[in-house]
Amino acid sequence: MRRVLKMVWLWAPLIIISLTSASVPAADKADPKALFEARCSTCHPLSRPLGKKMTAAEWRETVMRMKGLAGGKISDAEAEAIIKYLNETRGK
């Protein structure tokens, strides 16, 4: 019984880490387009933001609002990369 408990304590952190990392879709953080596609497409079609032109301030406001609605699936750094990408591609 002690041996089983010891094995559980040794393997539990690895199992938890692997399950946690699998719950968020992987995105290449070096590629802002891929990050945008991976994060934003989980909640709505990409045509929705790509069909708009906004100022940098409007993109910031929109992405930060969406970040809040995403329930922790978008980090601050990812949000900044997405804002920059949208401003460069769909900015006014």
N, C-alpha and C. Protein backbone atom coordinates (compact mmCIF):
# COMPACT_ATOMS: atom_id res chain seq x y z
N MET A 1 0.82 -1.19 0.00
CA MET A 1 0.00 0.00 0.00
C MET A 1 0.87 1.26 0.00
N ARG A 2 1.92 1.26 0.81
CA ARG A 2 2.82 2.41 0.86
C ARG A 2 3.48 2.65 -0.49
N ARG A 3 3.82 1.58 -1.15
CA ARG A 3 4.48 1.70 -2.45
C ARG A 3 3.53 2.34 -3.47
N VAL A 4 2.27 1.97 -3.43
CA VAL A 4 1.28 2.55 -4.33
C VAL A 4 1.12 4.04 -4.06
N LEU A 5 1.02 4.43 -2.80
CA LEU A 5 0.90 5.84 -2.45
C LEU A 5 2.13 6.63 -2.89
N LYS A 6 3.30 6.03 -2.73
CA LYS A 6 4.53 6.68 -3.15
C LYS A 6 4.51 6.91 -4.67
N MET A 7 4.05 5.94 -5.41
CA MET A 7 3.97 6.07 -6.87
C MET A 7 2.98 7.16 -7.27
N VAL A 8 1.86 7.23 -6.57
CA VAL A 8 0.85 8.26 -6.86
C VAL A 8 1.46 9.65 -6.63
N TRP A 9 2.16 9.83 -5.54
CA TRP A 9 2.77 11.13 -5.23
C TRP A 9 3.86 11.50 -6.24
N LEU A 10 4.52 10.50 -6.78
CA LEU A 10 5.57 10.78 -7.77
C LEU A 10 4.98 11.14 -9.13
N TRP A 11 3.92 10.46 -9.53
CA TRP A 11 3.37 10.65 -10.87
C TRP A 11 2.27 11.69 -10.95
N ALA A 12 1.60 12.01 -9.86
CA ALA A 12 0.47 12.95 -9.89
C ALA A 12 0.84 14.31 -10.47
N PRO A 13 1.96 14.93 -10.08
CA PRO A 13 2.29 16.24 -10.67
C PRO A 13 2.47 16.18 -12.19
N LEU A 14 3.08 15.12 -12.68
CA LEU A 14 3.27 14.99 -14.13
C LEU A 14 1.94 14.84 -14.86
N ILE A 15 1.05 14.09 -14.29
CA ILE A 15 -0.27 13.90 -14.90
C ILE A 15 -1.04 15.21 -14.90
N ILE A 16 -1.01 15.93 -13.80
CA ILE A 16 -1.72 17.21 -13.71
C ILE A 16 -1.16 18.21 -14.72
N ILE A 17 0.15 18.29 -14.82
CA ILE A 17 0.76 19.22 -15.78
C ILE A 17 0.37 18.86 -17.20
N SER A 18 0.38 17.59 -17.54
CA SER A 18 0.04 17.20 -18.91
C SER A 18 -1.43 17.47 -19.22
N LEU A 19 -2.31 17.29 -18.27
CA LEU A 19 -3.73 17.57 -18.49
C LEU A 19 -3.98 19.07 -18.60
N THR A 20 -3.30 19.86 -17.79
CA THR A 20 -3.47 21.30 -17.82
C THR A 20 -2.99 21.88 -19.14
N SER A 21 -1.85 21.46 -19.61
CA SER A 21 -1.31 22.01 -20.85
C SER A 21 -2.14 21.56 -22.06
N ALA A 22 -2.81 20.45 -21.98
CA ALA A 22 -3.64 19.99 -23.08
C ALA A 22 -4.96 20.74 -23.17
N SER A 23 -5.38 21.39 -22.09
CA SER A 23 -6.67 22.06 -22.10
C SER A 23 -6.67 23.37 -22.88
N VAL A 24 -5.50 23.97 -23.11
CA VAL A 24 -5.39 25.20 -23.89
C VAL A 24 -4.76 24.86 -25.22
N PRO A 25 -5.44 25.23 -26.34
CA PRO A 25 -4.88 24.91 -27.64
C PRO A 25 -3.48 25.51 -27.81
N ALA A 26 -2.59 24.73 -28.39
CA ALA A 26 -1.23 25.20 -28.60
C ALA A 26 -1.22 26.24 -29.72
N ALA A 27 -0.42 27.25 -29.54
CA ALA A 27 -0.26 28.28 -30.57
C ALA A 27 1.20 28.69 -30.58
N ASP A 28 1.72 28.92 -31.75
CA ASP A 28 3.09 29.36 -31.88
C ASP A 28 3.15 30.82 -31.46
N LYS A 29 3.73 31.07 -30.29
CA LYS A 29 3.76 32.43 -29.76
C LYS A 29 4.64 33.35 -30.60
N ALA A 30 5.52 32.79 -31.41
CA ALA A 30 6.35 33.61 -32.28
C ALA A 30 5.56 34.08 -33.50
N ASP A 31 4.45 33.46 -33.78
CA ASP A 31 3.63 33.81 -34.95
C ASP A 31 2.32 34.40 -34.47
N PRO A 32 2.18 35.74 -34.50
CA PRO A 32 0.96 36.37 -33.98
C PRO A 32 -0.30 35.96 -34.74
N LYS A 33 -0.17 35.68 -36.04
CA LYS A 33 -1.35 35.24 -36.81
C LYS A 33 -1.84 33.90 -36.29
N ALA A 34 -0.92 32.97 -36.07
CA ALA A 34 -1.31 31.64 -35.56
C ALA A 34 -1.90 31.77 -34.15
N LEU A 35 -1.33 32.65 -33.35
CA LEU A 35 -1.85 32.88 -32.00
C LEU A 35 -3.27 33.43 -32.08
N PHE A 36 -3.47 34.44 -32.91
CA PHE A 36 -4.80 35.02 -33.12
C PHE A 36 -5.79 33.94 -33.56
N GLU A 37 -5.40 33.14 -34.55
CA GLU A 37 -6.29 32.10 -35.07
C GLU A 37 -6.62 31.07 -34.00
N ALA A 38 -5.63 30.64 -33.24
CA ALA A 38 -5.84 29.60 -32.22
C ALA A 38 -6.72 30.10 -31.08
N ARG A 39 -6.47 31.30 -30.60
CA ARG A 39 -7.20 31.80 -29.44
C ARG A 39 -8.59 32.33 -29.80
N CYS A 40 -8.67 33.11 -30.85
CA CYS A 40 -9.93 33.80 -31.15
C CYS A 40 -10.97 32.89 -31.81
N SER A 41 -10.51 31.87 -32.52
CA SER A 41 -11.46 30.98 -33.20
C SER A 41 -12.18 30.04 -32.26
N THR A 42 -11.75 29.96 -31.01
CA THR A 42 -12.44 29.07 -30.07
C THR A 42 -13.80 29.63 -29.65
N CYS A 43 -13.99 30.95 -29.79
CA CYS A 43 -15.25 31.58 -29.36
C CYS A 43 -16.11 32.10 -30.50
N HIS A 44 -15.50 32.42 -31.63
CA HIS A 44 -16.28 32.96 -32.75
C HIS A 44 -15.51 32.77 -34.06
N PRO A 45 -16.21 32.90 -35.20
CA PRO A 45 -15.51 32.78 -36.48
C PRO A 45 -14.50 33.92 -36.65
N LEU A 46 -13.38 33.62 -37.30
CA LEU A 46 -12.36 34.63 -37.50
C LEU A 46 -12.83 35.75 -38.43
N SER A 47 -13.83 35.47 -39.24
CA SER A 47 -14.36 36.51 -40.13
C SER A 47 -14.94 37.67 -39.35
N ARG A 48 -15.33 37.43 -38.13
CA ARG A 48 -15.92 38.48 -37.30
C ARG A 48 -14.92 39.62 -37.04
N PRO A 49 -13.73 39.34 -36.45
CA PRO A 49 -12.79 40.44 -36.27
C PRO A 49 -12.11 40.86 -37.58
N LEU A 50 -11.90 39.91 -38.49
CA LEU A 50 -11.22 40.25 -39.74
C LEU A 50 -12.09 41.08 -40.67
N GLY A 51 -13.37 41.15 -40.41
CA GLY A 51 -14.28 41.95 -41.22
C GLY A 51 -14.39 43.38 -40.73
N LYS A 52 -13.60 43.74 -39.73
CA LYS A 52 -13.69 45.09 -39.14
C LYS A 52 -12.37 45.82 -39.29
N LYS A 53 -12.44 47.13 -39.28
CA LYS A 53 -11.27 47.99 -39.19
C LYS A 53 -11.47 48.86 -37.97
N MET A 54 -10.48 48.89 -37.09
CA MET A 54 -10.57 49.66 -35.86
C MET A 54 -9.25 50.37 -35.59
N THR A 55 -9.32 51.38 -34.75
CA THR A 55 -8.10 52.06 -34.30
C THR A 55 -7.40 51.15 -33.30
N ALA A 56 -6.15 51.51 -32.98
CA ALA A 56 -5.39 50.73 -32.00
C ALA A 56 -6.12 50.68 -30.65
N ALA A 57 -6.69 51.80 -30.25
CA ALA A 57 -7.42 51.86 -28.97
C ALA A 57 -8.66 50.96 -29.01
N GLU A 58 -9.35 50.95 -30.14
CA GLU A 58 -10.55 50.10 -30.26
C GLU A 58 -10.17 48.62 -30.25
N TRP A 59 -9.07 48.26 -30.93
CA TRP A 59 -8.62 46.86 -30.90
C TRP A 59 -8.24 46.47 -29.48
N ARG A 60 -7.54 47.35 -28.78
CA ARG A 60 -7.14 47.05 -27.39
C ARG A 60 -8.38 46.81 -26.53
N GLU A 61 -9.35 47.70 -26.62
CA GLU A 61 -10.57 47.56 -25.84
C GLU A 61 -11.30 46.25 -26.16
N THR A 62 -11.39 45.94 -27.45
CA THR A 62 -12.10 44.72 -27.88
C THR A 62 -11.38 43.46 -27.42
N VAL A 63 -10.07 43.39 -27.65
CA VAL A 63 -9.30 42.19 -27.28
C VAL A 63 -9.29 42.00 -25.77
N MET A 64 -9.16 43.06 -25.02
CA MET A 64 -9.15 42.93 -23.56
C MET A 64 -10.52 42.48 -23.05
N ARG A 65 -11.59 42.94 -23.69
CA ARG A 65 -12.93 42.48 -23.33
C ARG A 65 -13.07 40.99 -23.63
N MET A 66 -12.59 40.58 -24.80
CA MET A 66 -12.66 39.16 -25.18
C MET A 66 -11.79 38.31 -24.26
N LYS A 67 -10.64 38.85 -23.87
CA LYS A 67 -9.75 38.14 -22.93
C LYS A 67 -10.50 37.84 -21.64
N GLY A 68 -11.25 38.82 -21.15
CA GLY A 68 -12.04 38.63 -19.93
C GLY A 68 -13.11 37.57 -20.10
N LEU A 69 -13.72 37.53 -21.27
CA LEU A 69 -14.77 36.54 -21.54
C LEU A 69 -14.20 35.13 -21.75
N ALA A 70 -12.93 35.05 -22.12
CA ALA A 70 -12.31 33.76 -22.44
C ALA A 70 -11.97 32.95 -21.19
N GLY A 71 -12.13 33.51 -20.03
CA GLY A 71 -11.92 32.75 -18.79
C GLY A 71 -10.50 32.28 -18.58
N GLY A 72 -9.52 33.13 -18.81
CA GLY A 72 -8.13 32.77 -18.53
C GLY A 72 -7.43 32.01 -19.64
N LYS A 73 -8.05 31.85 -20.78
CA LYS A 73 -7.42 31.11 -21.88
C LYS A 73 -6.46 31.96 -22.69
N ILE A 74 -6.46 33.29 -22.44
CA ILE A 74 -5.57 34.19 -23.15
C ILE A 74 -4.75 34.95 -22.11
N SER A 75 -3.43 34.82 -22.19
CA SER A 75 -2.56 35.52 -21.24
C SER A 75 -2.43 36.99 -21.64
N ASP A 76 -1.87 37.79 -20.75
CA ASP A 76 -1.64 39.20 -21.05
C ASP A 76 -0.71 39.36 -22.25
N ALA A 77 0.35 38.57 -22.29
CA ALA A 77 1.31 38.65 -23.40
C ALA A 77 0.66 38.24 -24.72
N GLU A 78 -0.18 37.21 -24.67
CA GLU A 78 -0.89 36.79 -25.88
C GLU A 78 -1.85 37.87 -26.34
N ALA A 79 -2.55 38.50 -25.41
CA ALA A 79 -3.48 39.58 -25.76
C ALA A 79 -2.72 40.72 -26.45
N GLU A 80 -1.57 41.06 -25.92
CA GLU A 80 -0.77 42.14 -26.53
C GLU A 80 -0.35 41.77 -27.95
N ALA A 81 0.05 40.53 -28.16
CA ALA A 81 0.45 40.08 -29.51
C ALA A 81 -0.74 40.11 -30.46
N ILE A 82 -1.90 39.71 -29.98
CA ILE A 82 -3.12 39.71 -30.81
C ILE A 82 -3.51 41.15 -31.15
N ILE A 83 -3.43 42.05 -30.18
CA ILE A 83 -3.75 43.46 -30.42
C ILE A 83 -2.83 44.02 -31.49
N LYS A 84 -1.55 43.75 -31.35
CA LYS A 84 -0.57 44.25 -32.33
C LYS A 84 -0.87 43.69 -33.72
N TYR A 85 -1.13 42.38 -33.80
CA TYR A 85 -1.45 41.76 -35.08
C TYR A 85 -2.69 42.38 -35.72
N LEU A 86 -3.76 42.54 -34.96
CA LEU A 86 -4.99 43.10 -35.50
C LEU A 86 -4.81 44.57 -35.91
N ASN A 87 -4.04 45.31 -35.13
CA ASN A 87 -3.79 46.70 -35.48
C ASN A 87 -3.00 46.80 -36.77
N GLU A 88 -2.03 45.90 -36.96
CA GLU A 88 -1.21 45.92 -38.18
C GLU A 88 -2.00 45.47 -39.41
N THR A 89 -2.88 44.51 -39.23
CA THR A 89 -3.61 43.97 -40.38
C THR A 89 -4.97 44.59 -40.61
N ARG A 90 -5.63 45.04 -39.54
CA ARG A 90 -6.99 45.57 -39.64
C ARG A 90 -7.15 46.92 -38.96
N GLY A 91 -6.05 47.65 -38.83
CA GLY A 91 -6.09 48.94 -38.16
C GLY A 91 -6.55 50.06 -39.09
N LYS A 92 -7.09 51.12 -38.48
CA LYS A 92 -7.50 52.31 -39.24
C LYS A 92 -6.32 53.26 -39.36
